[in-house]
């Protein structure tokens, strides 16, 4: 990905404390879900945890990270059985 003139590659990312904390929290929950899914051999926690781990890389608003992350956690909980 090419940065616009006058901008470095890193200024395109929104690295505020809120996005880092929320992204880290949801990634940690996703990683735990993947480990749980592999131990119990269930597909929903594996797929949901993988999506939960990766999605903060593509969303740069802390509000949307919270909304999407909460929706994914609730969806995994609802579809677990």
Protein backbone atom coordinates (compact mmCIF):
# COMPACT_ATOMS: atom_id res chain seq x y z
CA UNK A 1 0.00 0.00 0.00
CA UNK A 2 1.45 3.30 -1.05
CA UNK A 3 1.22 6.27 1.33
CA UNK A 4 0.08 9.60 -0.09
CA UNK A 5 2.82 12.19 -0.70
CA UNK A 6 3.94 13.87 2.50
CA UNK A 7 2.68 11.09 4.77
CA UNK A 8 4.54 8.15 6.16
CA UNK A 9 3.04 4.69 6.23
CA UNK A 10 2.53 4.85 9.99
CA UNK A 11 0.51 8.07 10.08
CA UNK A 12 -2.22 6.29 8.13
CA UNK A 13 -2.87 4.04 11.12
CA UNK A 14 -4.97 5.34 13.98
CA UNK A 15 -2.77 4.31 16.89
CA UNK A 16 -4.62 5.99 19.73
CA UNK A 17 -4.61 4.37 23.17
CA UNK A 18 -8.30 3.49 22.83
CA UNK A 19 -7.83 1.59 19.57
CA UNK A 20 -4.78 -0.22 20.92
CA UNK A 21 -6.50 -1.26 24.15
CA UNK A 22 -9.77 -2.32 22.52
CA UNK A 23 -7.99 -4.08 19.67
CA UNK A 24 -5.75 -5.91 22.12
CA UNK A 25 -8.70 -6.89 24.31
CA UNK A 26 -10.75 -8.32 21.46
CA UNK A 27 -7.70 -10.02 19.97
CA UNK A 28 -7.01 -11.66 23.34
CA UNK A 29 -10.62 -12.85 23.59
CA UNK A 30 -10.37 -14.17 20.02
CA UNK A 31 -7.15 -16.01 20.75
CA UNK A 32 -8.75 -17.65 23.81
CA UNK A 33 -11.75 -18.65 21.69
CA UNK A 34 -9.49 -20.26 19.07
CA UNK A 35 -7.66 -22.25 21.77
CA UNK A 36 -10.99 -23.33 23.28
CA UNK A 37 -12.37 -24.28 19.86
CA UNK A 38 -9.32 -26.39 19.03
CA UNK A 39 -9.48 -28.24 22.36
CA UNK A 40 -13.20 -28.97 22.08
CA UNK A 41 -13.11 -29.43 18.29
CA UNK A 42 -15.87 -26.89 17.65
CA UNK A 43 -15.88 -24.81 14.50
CA UNK A 44 -17.80 -21.75 15.76
CA UNK A 45 -15.17 -20.65 18.33
CA UNK A 46 -12.36 -21.31 15.86
CA UNK A 47 -13.87 -19.19 13.08
CA UNK A 48 -15.28 -16.53 15.41
CA UNK A 49 -12.05 -16.28 17.35
CA UNK A 50 -10.03 -15.96 14.15
CA UNK A 51 -12.25 -13.14 12.91
CA UNK A 52 -12.17 -11.51 16.34
CA UNK A 53 -8.38 -11.65 16.37
CA UNK A 54 -7.91 -10.10 12.92
CA UNK A 55 -10.66 -7.51 12.54
CA UNK A 56 -9.05 -4.74 14.67
CA UNK A 57 -6.32 -4.48 12.05
CA UNK A 58 -8.85 -3.22 9.51
CA UNK A 59 -11.00 -0.93 11.69
CA UNK A 60 -9.50 2.34 12.91
CA UNK A 61 -12.31 3.81 15.02
CA UNK A 62 -12.50 2.78 18.70
CA UNK A 63 -16.28 3.03 18.60
CA UNK A 64 -16.53 0.62 15.67
CA UNK A 65 -13.99 -1.74 17.22
CA UNK A 66 -16.20 -1.89 20.31
CA UNK A 67 -19.41 -2.36 18.33
CA UNK A 68 -18.06 -5.02 15.96
CA UNK A 69 -16.13 -6.83 18.69
CA UNK A 70 -19.14 -6.97 21.00
CA UNK A 71 -21.35 -8.21 18.16
CA UNK A 72 -18.85 -10.96 17.29
CA UNK A 73 -18.54 -12.09 20.92
CA UNK A 74 -22.33 -12.19 21.29
CA UNK A 75 -22.69 -14.07 18.00
CA UNK A 76 -20.14 -16.67 19.10
CA UNK A 77 -21.95 -17.08 22.41
CA UNK A 78 -25.37 -17.36 20.70
CA UNK A 79 -24.26 -19.89 18.05
CA UNK A 80 -22.01 -21.97 20.33
CA UNK A 81 -24.51 -24.80 20.75
